PDB file of N, CA and C in Angstrom:
ATOM      1  N   UNK A   1      37.819  22.381  -9.356  1.00  0.00           N
ATOM      2  CA  UNK A   1      37.208  21.909  -8.060  1.00  0.00           C
ATOM      3  C   UNK A   1      38.202  20.815  -7.666  1.00  0.00           C
ATOM      4  N   UNK A   2      38.540  21.038  -6.370  1.00  0.00           N
ATOM      5  CA  UNK A   2      39.344  19.974  -5.788  1.00  0.00           C
ATOM      6  C   UNK A   2      38.701  18.790  -5.636  1.00  0.00           C
ATOM      7  N   UNK A   3      39.584  17.385  -5.428  1.00  0.00           N
ATOM      8  CA  UNK A   3      39.069  16.113  -5.286  1.00  0.00           C
ATOM      9  C   UNK A   3      38.237  16.095  -4.075  1.00  0.00           C
ATOM     10  N   UNK A   4      38.623  16.790  -3.095  1.00  0.00           N
ATOM     11  CA  UNK A   4      37.763  16.720  -1.938  1.00  0.00           C
ATOM     12  C   UNK A   4      36.468  17.389  -1.919  1.00  0.00           C
ATOM     13  N   UNK A   5      36.432  18.583  -2.637  1.00  0.00           N
ATOM     14  CA  UNK A   5      35.195  19.176  -3.000  1.00  0.00           C
ATOM     15  C   UNK A   5      34.248  18.454  -3.937  1.00  0.00           C
ATOM     16  N   UNK A   6      34.798  17.803  -4.866  1.00  0.00           N
ATOM     17  CA  UNK A   6      34.159  16.851  -5.660  1.00  0.00           C
ATOM     18  C   UNK A   6      33.570  15.632  -4.927  1.00  0.00           C
ATOM     19  N   UNK A   7      34.153  15.095  -4.063  1.00  0.00           N
ATOM     20  CA  UNK A   7      33.907  14.044  -3.259  1.00  0.00           C
ATOM     21  C   UNK A   7      32.666  14.360  -2.370  1.00  0.00           C
ATOM     22  N   UNK A   8      33.006  15.647  -1.652  1.00  0.00           N
ATOM     23  CA  UNK A   8      31.755  16.193  -0.853  1.00  0.00           C
ATOM     24  C   UNK A   8      30.494  16.505  -1.634  1.00  0.00           C
ATOM     25  N   UNK A   9      30.596  16.973  -2.817  1.00  0.00           N
ATOM     26  CA  UNK A   9      29.385  17.070  -3.811  1.00  0.00           C
ATOM     27  C   UNK A   9      28.861  15.955  -4.198  1.00  0.00           C
ATOM     28  N   UNK A  10      29.591  14.969  -4.455  1.00  0.00           N
ATOM     29  CA  UNK A  10      29.039  13.624  -4.761  1.00  0.00           C
ATOM     30  C   UNK A  10      28.310  13.175  -3.540  1.00  0.00           C
ATOM     31  N   UNK A  11      29.067  13.004  -2.488  1.00  0.00           N
ATOM     32  CA  UNK A  11      28.230  12.534  -1.354  1.00  0.00           C
ATOM     33  C   UNK A  11      26.951  13.412  -0.978  1.00  0.00           C
ATOM     34  N   UNK A  12      26.860  14.603  -1.062  1.00  0.00           N
ATOM     35  CA  UNK A  12      25.894  15.545  -0.596  1.00  0.00           C
ATOM     36  C   UNK A  12      24.711  15.172  -1.771  1.00  0.00           C
ATOM     37  N   UNK A  13      25.025  14.853  -2.988  1.00  0.00           N
ATOM     38  CA  UNK A  13      23.943  14.406  -4.006  1.00  0.00           C
ATOM     39  C   UNK A  13      23.444  13.184  -3.679  1.00  0.00           C
ATOM     40  N   UNK A  14      24.468  12.193  -3.286  1.00  0.00           N
ATOM     41  CA  UNK A  14      23.751  10.807  -2.898  1.00  0.00           C
ATOM     42  C   UNK A  14      22.921  10.969  -1.735  1.00  0.00           C
ATOM     43  N   UNK A  15      23.236  11.663  -0.641  1.00  0.00           N
ATOM     44  CA  UNK A  15      22.324  11.816   0.608  1.00  0.00           C
ATOM     45  C   UNK A  15      20.964  12.241   0.025  1.00  0.00           C
ATOM     46  N   UNK A  16      20.967  13.433  -0.759  1.00  0.00           N
ATOM     47  CA  UNK A  16      19.791  14.213  -0.950  1.00  0.00           C
ATOM     48  C   UNK A  16      18.877  13.338  -2.035  1.00  0.00           C
ATOM     49  N   UNK A  17      19.562  12.568  -2.739  1.00  0.00           N
ATOM     50  CA  UNK A  17      18.793  12.006  -3.927  1.00  0.00           C
ATOM     51  C   UNK A  17      18.411  10.292  -3.530  1.00  0.00           C
ATOM     52  N   UNK A  18      19.350   9.883  -2.552  1.00  0.00           N
ATOM     53  CA  UNK A  18      19.396   8.498  -2.289  1.00  0.00           C
ATOM     54  C   UNK A  18      18.384   8.082  -1.117  1.00  0.00           C
ATOM     55  N   UNK A  19      17.939   9.136  -0.374  1.00  0.00           N
ATOM     56  CA  UNK A  19      17.110   8.770   0.660  1.00  0.00           C
ATOM     57  C   UNK A  19      15.622   9.369   0.422  1.00  0.00           C
ATOM     58  N   UNK A  20      14.762   8.557   0.626  1.00  0.00           N
ATOM     59  CA  UNK A  20      13.533   8.823   0.524  1.00  0.00           C
ATOM     60  C   UNK A  20      12.673   8.550   2.151  1.00  0.00           C
ATOM     61  N   UNK A  21      11.795   9.393   2.210  1.00  0.00           N
ATOM     62  CA  UNK A  21      10.969   9.407   3.338  1.00  0.00           C
ATOM     63  C   UNK A  21       9.892   8.205   3.413  1.00  0.00           C
ATOM     64  N   UNK A  22      10.047   7.425   4.547  1.00  0.00           N
ATOM     65  CA  UNK A  22       9.023   6.252   4.723  1.00  0.00           C
ATOM     66  C   UNK A  22       7.608   6.596   4.367  1.00  0.00           C
ATOM     67  N   UNK A  23       7.020   5.709   3.699  1.00  0.00           N
ATOM     68  CA  UNK A  23       5.631   5.890   3.525  1.00  0.00           C
ATOM     69  C   UNK A  23       4.740   5.595   4.840  1.00  0.00           C
ATOM     70  N   UNK A  24       3.975   6.540   5.128  1.00  0.00           N
ATOM     71  CA  UNK A  24       3.101   6.408   6.431  1.00  0.00           C
ATOM     72  C   UNK A  24       2.072   5.410   6.212  1.00  0.00           C
ATOM     73  N   UNK A  25       1.967   4.411   7.178  1.00  0.00           N
ATOM     74  CA  UNK A  25       0.862   3.518   7.111  1.00  0.00           C
ATOM     75  C   UNK A  25      -0.377   4.064   7.769  1.00  0.00           C
ATOM     76  N   UNK A  26      -1.574   3.695   7.061  1.00  0.00           N
ATOM     77  CA  UNK A  26      -2.868   4.281   7.736  1.00  0.00           C
ATOM     78  C   UNK A  26      -3.121   3.189   8.830  1.00  0.00           C
ATOM     79  N   UNK A  27      -4.348   3.411   9.204  1.00  0.00           N
ATOM     80  CA  UNK A  27      -4.780   2.475  10.230  1.00  0.00           C
ATOM     81  C   UNK A  27      -5.498   1.193   9.452  1.00  0.00           C
ATOM     82  N   UNK A  28      -5.069   0.042  10.126  1.00  0.00           N
ATOM     83  CA  UNK A  28      -5.224  -1.373   9.488  1.00  0.00           C
ATOM     84  C   UNK A  28      -6.767  -1.600   9.680  1.00  0.00           C
ATOM     85  N   UNK A  29      -7.420  -2.027   8.824  1.00  0.00           N
ATOM     86  CA  UNK A  29      -8.650  -2.469   8.740  1.00  0.00           C
ATOM     87  C   UNK A  29      -8.917  -3.557  10.024  1.00  0.00           C
ATOM     88  N   UNK A  30     -10.056  -3.643  10.501  1.00  0.00           N
ATOM     89  CA  UNK A  30     -10.359  -4.516  11.540  1.00  0.00           C
ATOM     90  C   UNK A  30     -10.329  -5.986  11.208  1.00  0.00           C
ATOM     91  N   UNK A  31     -10.203  -6.879  12.171  1.00  0.00           N
ATOM     92  CA  UNK A  31     -10.309  -8.387  11.678  1.00  0.00           C
ATOM     93  C   UNK A  31     -11.535  -8.788  10.937  1.00  0.00           C
ATOM     94  N   UNK A  32     -12.625  -8.133  11.182  1.00  0.00           N
ATOM     95  CA  UNK A  32     -13.941  -8.559  10.394  1.00  0.00           C
ATOM     96  C   UNK A  32     -13.822  -8.135   8.863  1.00  0.00           C
ATOM     97  N   UNK A  33     -12.734  -7.732   8.370  1.00  0.00           N
ATOM     98  CA  UNK A  33     -12.636  -7.202   7.075  1.00  0.00           C
ATOM     99  C   UNK A  33     -11.473  -8.319   6.559  1.00  0.00           C
ATOM    100  N   UNK A  34     -11.824  -9.471   5.898  1.00  0.00           N
ATOM    101  CA  UNK A  34     -11.037 -10.480   5.489  1.00  0.00           C
ATOM    102  C   UNK A  34     -10.665 -10.157   4.123  1.00  0.00           C
ATOM    103  N   UNK A  35      -9.344 -10.497   3.970  1.00  0.00           N
ATOM    104  CA  UNK A  35      -8.648 -10.416   2.551  1.00  0.00           C
ATOM    105  C   UNK A  35      -7.293 -11.274   2.328  1.00  0.00           C
ATOM    106  N   UNK A  36      -7.403 -11.674   1.069  1.00  0.00           N
ATOM    107  CA  UNK A  36      -6.349 -12.619   0.784  1.00  0.00           C
ATOM    108  C   UNK A  36      -6.116 -12.650  -0.824  1.00  0.00           C
ATOM    109  N   UNK A  37      -4.989 -13.011  -1.172  1.00  0.00           N
ATOM    110  CA  UNK A  37      -4.561 -12.844  -2.739  1.00  0.00           C
ATOM    111  C   UNK A  37      -4.471 -14.350  -3.135  1.00  0.00           C
ATOM    112  N   UNK A  38      -5.295 -14.565  -4.334  1.00  0.00           N
ATOM    113  CA  UNK A  38      -5.190 -15.776  -5.086  1.00  0.00           C
ATOM    114  C   UNK A  38      -3.659 -15.791  -5.849  1.00  0.00           C
ATOM    115  N   UNK A  39      -3.446 -16.990  -6.048  1.00  0.00           N
ATOM    116  CA  UNK A  39      -2.182 -17.438  -6.758  1.00  0.00           C
ATOM    117  C   UNK A  39      -2.205 -16.711  -8.183  1.00  0.00           C
ATOM    118  N   UNK A  40      -3.386 -16.282  -8.819  1.00  0.00           N
ATOM    119  CA  UNK A  40      -3.547 -15.750 -10.021  1.00  0.00           C
ATOM    120  C   UNK A  40      -3.131 -14.351  -9.871  1.00  0.00           C
ATOM    121  N   UNK A  41      -3.117 -13.691  -8.525  1.00  0.00           N
ATOM    122  CA  UNK A  41      -2.693 -12.389  -8.337  1.00  0.00           C
ATOM    123  C   UNK A  41      -4.018 -11.386  -8.018  1.00  0.00           C
ATOM    124  N   UNK A  42      -5.043 -12.125  -8.155  1.00  0.00           N
ATOM    125  CA  UNK A  42      -6.332 -11.285  -7.807  1.00  0.00           C
ATOM    126  C   UNK A  42      -6.553 -11.184  -6.239  1.00  0.00           C
ATOM    127  N   UNK A  43      -7.086 -10.101  -5.700  1.00  0.00           N
ATOM    128  CA  UNK A  43      -7.222  -9.849  -4.349  1.00  0.00           C
ATOM    129  C   UNK A  43      -8.819  -9.746  -4.158  1.00  0.00           C
ATOM    130  N   UNK A  44      -9.047 -10.644  -3.020  1.00  0.00           N
ATOM    131  CA  UNK A  44     -10.434 -10.802  -2.634  1.00  0.00           C
ATOM    132  C   UNK A  44     -10.586 -10.134  -1.198  1.00  0.00           C
ATOM    133  N   UNK A  45     -11.629  -9.193  -1.061  1.00  0.00           N
ATOM    134  CA  UNK A  45     -11.794  -8.545   0.286  1.00  0.00           C
ATOM    135  C   UNK A  45     -13.332  -8.745   0.675  1.00  0.00           C
ATOM    136  N   UNK A  46     -13.491  -9.160   1.629  1.00  0.00           N
ATOM    137  CA  UNK A  46     -14.762  -9.507   2.510  1.00  0.00           C
ATOM    138  C   UNK A  46     -15.003  -8.746   3.661  1.00  0.00           C
ATOM    139  N   UNK A  47     -16.206  -7.941   3.544  1.00  0.00           N
ATOM    140  CA  UNK A  47     -16.515  -7.185   5.125  1.00  0.00           C
ATOM    141  C   UNK A  47     -17.591  -8.130   5.728  1.00  0.00           C
ATOM    142  N   UNK A  48     -17.181  -8.762   6.814  1.00  0.00           N
ATOM    143  CA  UNK A  48     -17.996  -9.560   7.608  1.00  0.00           C
ATOM    144  C   UNK A  48     -18.410  -8.769   8.832  1.00  0.00           C
ATOM    145  N   UNK A  49     -17.915  -7.476   8.874  1.00  0.00           N
ATOM    146  CA  UNK A  49     -18.271  -6.495  10.083  1.00  0.00           C
ATOM    147  C   UNK A  49     -19.723  -6.351  10.048  1.00  0.00           C
ATOM    148  N   UNK A  50     -20.406  -5.617  11.135  1.00  0.00           N
ATOM    149  CA  UNK A  50     -21.614  -5.256  11.142  1.00  0.00           C
ATOM    150  C   UNK A  50     -21.859  -4.053  10.673  1.00  0.00           C
ATOM    151  N   UNK A  51     -20.947  -3.290  10.281  1.00  0.00           N
ATOM    152  CA  UNK A  51     -21.094  -2.001   9.651  1.00  0.00           C
ATOM    153  C   UNK A  51     -20.318  -1.788   8.285  1.00  0.00           C
ATOM    154  N   UNK A  52     -20.905  -0.944   7.508  1.00  0.00           N
ATOM    155  CA  UNK A  52     -19.840  -0.627   6.250  1.00  0.00           C
ATOM    156  C   UNK A  52     -18.676  -0.057   6.866  1.00  0.00           C
ATOM    157  N   UNK A  53     -17.652  -0.497   5.809  1.00  0.00           N
ATOM    158  CA  UNK A  53     -16.178   0.078   5.974  1.00  0.00           C
ATOM    159  C   UNK A  53     -15.715   0.710   4.760  1.00  0.00           C
ATOM    160  N   UNK A  54     -15.026   1.940   5.162  1.00  0.00           N
ATOM    161  CA  UNK A  54     -14.312   2.643   3.921  1.00  0.00           C
ATOM    162  C   UNK A  54     -12.839   2.164   4.044  1.00  0.00           C
ATOM    163  N   UNK A  55     -12.467   1.429   2.855  1.00  0.00           N
ATOM    164  CA  UNK A  55     -11.098   0.810   2.932  1.00  0.00           C
ATOM    165  C   UNK A  55     -10.467   1.102   1.574  1.00  0.00           C
ATOM    166  N   UNK A  56      -9.012   0.704   1.633  1.00  0.00           N
ATOM    167  CA  UNK A  56      -8.086   0.600   0.631  1.00  0.00           C
ATOM    168  C   UNK A  56      -7.245  -0.488   0.600  1.00  0.00           C
ATOM    169  N   UNK A  57      -7.100  -1.122  -0.505  1.00  0.00           N
ATOM    170  CA  UNK A  57      -6.184  -1.987  -0.474  1.00  0.00           C
ATOM    171  C   UNK A  57      -4.869  -1.601  -0.933  1.00  0.00           C
ATOM    172  N   UNK A  58      -3.777  -1.957  -0.108  1.00  0.00           N
ATOM    173  CA  UNK A  58      -2.531  -1.493  -0.243  1.00  0.00           C
ATOM    174  C   UNK A  58      -1.611  -2.466  -0.768  1.00  0.00           C
ATOM    175  N   UNK A  59      -0.978  -2.259  -1.948  1.00  0.00           N
ATOM    176  CA  UNK A  59      -0.226  -2.939  -2.584  1.00  0.00           C
ATOM    177  C   UNK A  59       1.464  -2.646  -2.400  1.00  0.00           C
ATOM    178  N   UNK A  60       2.205  -3.851  -2.329  1.00  0.00           N
ATOM    179  CA  UNK A  60       3.692  -3.583  -2.297  1.00  0.00           C
ATOM    180  C   UNK A  60       4.295  -3.847  -3.742  1.00  0.00           C
ATOM    181  N   UNK A  61       5.041  -2.881  -4.082  1.00  0.00           N
ATOM    182  CA  UNK A  61       5.646  -2.970  -5.413  1.00  0.00           C
ATOM    183  C   UNK A  61       4.851  -2.525  -6.532  1.00  0.00           C
ATOM    184  N   UNK A  62       3.612  -1.778  -5.976  1.00  0.00           N
ATOM    185  CA  UNK A  62       2.665  -1.431  -7.187  1.00  0.00           C
ATOM    186  C   UNK A  62       1.922  -0.160  -6.239  1.00  0.00           C
ATOM    187  N   UNK A  63       1.134   0.583  -7.184  1.00  0.00           N
ATOM    188  CA  UNK A  63       0.080   1.650  -6.746  1.00  0.00           C
ATOM    189  C   UNK A  63      -1.074   0.875  -5.864  1.00  0.00           C
ATOM    190  N   UNK A  64      -1.352   1.887  -4.800  1.00  0.00           N
ATOM    191  CA  UNK A  64      -2.352   1.155  -3.971  1.00  0.00           C
ATOM    192  C   UNK A  64      -3.730   1.471  -4.616  1.00  0.00           C
ATOM    193  N   UNK A  65      -4.816   0.594  -4.280  1.00  0.00           N
ATOM    194  CA  UNK A  65      -6.165   0.798  -4.902  1.00  0.00           C
ATOM    195  C   UNK A  65      -6.858   1.999  -4.195  1.00  0.00           C
ATOM    196  N   UNK A  66      -7.796   2.615  -5.064  1.00  0.00           N
ATOM    197  CA  UNK A  66      -8.402   3.681  -4.555  1.00  0.00           C
ATOM    198  C   UNK A  66      -9.399   3.207  -3.241  1.00  0.00           C
ATOM    199  N   UNK A  67      -9.695   4.292  -2.295  1.00  0.00           N
ATOM    200  CA  UNK A  67     -10.610   3.979  -1.296  1.00  0.00           C
ATOM    201  C   UNK A  67     -11.938   3.917  -1.900  1.00  0.00           C
ATOM    202  N   UNK A  68     -12.630   2.825  -1.187  1.00  0.00           N
ATOM    203  CA  UNK A  68     -14.117   2.456  -1.526  1.00  0.00           C
ATOM    204  C   UNK A  68     -14.737   2.036  -0.570  1.00  0.00           C
ATOM    205  N   UNK A  69     -16.039   2.414  -0.405  1.00  0.00           N
ATOM    206  CA  UNK A  69     -16.917   1.725   0.606  1.00  0.00           C
ATOM    207  C   UNK A  69     -17.402   0.283   0.355  1.00  0.00           C
ATOM    208  N   UNK A  70     -16.915  -0.481   1.380  1.00  0.00           N
ATOM    209  CA  UNK A  70     -17.466  -2.022   1.425  1.00  0.00           C
ATOM    210  C   UNK A  70     -18.651  -2.122   2.332  1.00  0.00           C
ATOM    211  N   UNK A  71     -19.642  -2.462   1.747  1.00  0.00           N
ATOM    212  CA  UNK A  71     -20.881  -2.503   2.692  1.00  0.00           C
ATOM    213  C   UNK A  71     -20.807  -3.704   3.489  1.00  0.00           C
ATOM    214  N   UNK A  72     -21.291  -3.684   4.694  1.00  0.00           N
ATOM    215  CA  UNK A  72     -21.375  -4.944   5.616  1.00  0.00           C
ATOM    216  C   UNK A  72     -21.726  -6.132   4.932  1.00  0.00           C
ATOM    217  N   UNK A  73     -21.229  -7.310   4.951  1.00  0.00           N
ATOM    218  CA  UNK A  73     -21.752  -8.418   4.479  1.00  0.00           C
ATOM    219  C   UNK A  73     -21.315  -8.588   2.934  1.00  0.00           C
ATOM    220  N   UNK A  74     -20.742  -7.642   2.329  1.00  0.00           N
ATOM    221  CA  UNK A  74     -20.303  -7.561   0.851  1.00  0.00           C
ATOM    222  C   UNK A  74     -19.008  -7.798   0.740  1.00  0.00           C
ATOM    223  N   UNK A  75     -18.734  -8.260  -0.643  1.00  0.00           N
ATOM    224  CA  UNK A  75     -17.140  -8.405  -0.916  1.00  0.00           C
ATOM    225  C   UNK A  75     -16.868  -7.757  -2.102  1.00  0.00           C
ATOM    226  N   UNK A  76     -15.504  -7.710  -2.388  1.00  0.00           N
ATOM    227  CA  UNK A  76     -14.981  -7.106  -3.630  1.00  0.00           C
ATOM    228  C   UNK A  76     -13.798  -7.928  -4.129  1.00  0.00           C
ATOM    229  N   UNK A  77     -13.820  -8.022  -5.577  1.00  0.00           N
ATOM    230  CA  UNK A  77     -12.692  -8.678  -5.992  1.00  0.00           C
ATOM    231  C   UNK A  77     -11.628  -7.764  -6.877  1.00  0.00           C
ATOM    232  N   UNK A  78     -10.533  -7.597  -6.797  1.00  0.00           N
ATOM    233  CA  UNK A  78      -9.786  -6.682  -7.422  1.00  0.00           C
ATOM    234  C   UNK A  78      -8.990  -7.642  -8.513  1.00  0.00           C
ATOM    235  N   UNK A  79      -9.235  -7.396  -9.717  1.00  0.00           N
ATOM    236  CA  UNK A  79      -8.654  -8.466 -10.742  1.00  0.00           C
ATOM    237  C   UNK A  79      -7.180  -8.046 -11.168  1.00  0.00           C
ATOM    238  N   UNK A  80      -6.284  -8.842 -10.642  1.00  0.00           N
ATOM    239  CA  UNK A  80      -4.922  -8.706 -10.968  1.00  0.00           C
ATOM    240  C   UNK A  80      -4.517  -7.333 -10.752  1.00  0.00           C
ATOM    241  N   UNK A  81      -4.455  -6.684  -9.780  1.00  0.00           N
ATOM    242  CA  UNK A  81      -3.843  -5.446  -9.354  1.00  0.00           C
ATOM    243  C   UNK A  81      -2.442  -5.533  -9.550  1.00  0.00           C
ATOM    244  N   UNK A  82      -1.633  -4.451  -9.933  1.00  0.00           N
ATOM    245  CA  UNK A  82      -0.262  -4.402 -10.060  1.00  0.00           C
ATOM    246  C   UNK A  82       0.423  -4.564  -8.875  1.00  0.00           C
ATOM    247  N   UNK A  83       1.414  -5.316  -8.653  1.00  0.00           N
ATOM    248  CA  UNK A  83       2.170  -5.399  -7.345  1.00  0.00           C
ATOM    249  C   UNK A  83       1.801  -6.609  -6.589  1.00  0.00           C
ATOM    250  N   UNK A  84       2.128  -6.834  -5.379  1.00  0.00           N
ATOM    251  CA  UNK A  84       1.800  -7.698  -4.474  1.00  0.00           C
ATOM    252  C   UNK A  84       0.831  -7.236  -3.269  1.00  0.00           C
ATOM    253  N   UNK A  85      -0.109  -8.034  -2.988  1.00  0.00           N
ATOM    254  CA  UNK A  85      -1.094  -7.621  -1.800  1.00  0.00           C
ATOM    255  C   UNK A  85      -0.312  -7.523  -0.514  1.00  0.00           C
ATOM    256  N   UNK A  86      -0.486  -6.456   0.132  1.00  0.00           N
ATOM    257  CA  UNK A  86       0.213  -5.992   1.259  1.00  0.00           C
ATOM    258  C   UNK A  86      -0.779  -6.226   2.391  1.00  0.00           C
ATOM    259  N   UNK A  87      -1.879  -5.169   2.531  1.00  0.00           N
ATOM    260  CA  UNK A  87      -2.673  -5.117   3.528  1.00  0.00           C
ATOM    261  C   UNK A  87      -3.908  -4.416   3.257  1.00  0.00           C
ATOM    262  N   UNK A  88      -4.910  -4.286   4.135  1.00  0.00           N
ATOM    263  CA  UNK A  88      -6.222  -3.430   3.880  1.00  0.00           C
ATOM    264  C   UNK A  88      -6.132  -2.443   4.943  1.00  0.00           C
ATOM    265  N   UNK A  89      -6.353  -1.247   4.693  1.00  0.00           N
ATOM    266  CA  UNK A  89      -6.341  -0.078   5.595  1.00  0.00           C
ATOM    267  C   UNK A  89      -7.605   0.615   5.428  1.00  0.00           C
ATOM    268  N   UNK A  90      -8.176   1.328   6.710  1.00  0.00           N
ATOM    269  CA  UNK A  90      -9.306   2.163   6.629  1.00  0.00           C
ATOM    270  C   UNK A  90      -9.055   3.457   5.986  1.00  0.00           C
ATOM    271  N   UNK A  91      -9.795   4.189   5.267  1.00  0.00           N
ATOM    272  CA  UNK A  91      -9.720   5.343   4.767  1.00  0.00           C
ATOM    273  C   UNK A  91     -10.434   6.483   5.571  1.00  0.00           C
TER     274      UNK A  91
END
């Protein structure tokens, strides 16, 4: 294999294996779904909406939490999920 062919193969491999498709973001939860991360890493979500909401806590640098139904007026505490809290989306 020539040097030029080796460089082309290496570049092709880099392009194929080095590029990942961006993750698609879902619809953000409305403002009546309050969420924050404590310094301990726990994530707290509170549904102040008039209706139940089906939500998912999205983590940066870690796996997202599973979709769950959060009833109107209720809250949920995620104990030390892996990663950093990013946002809450609707499912």
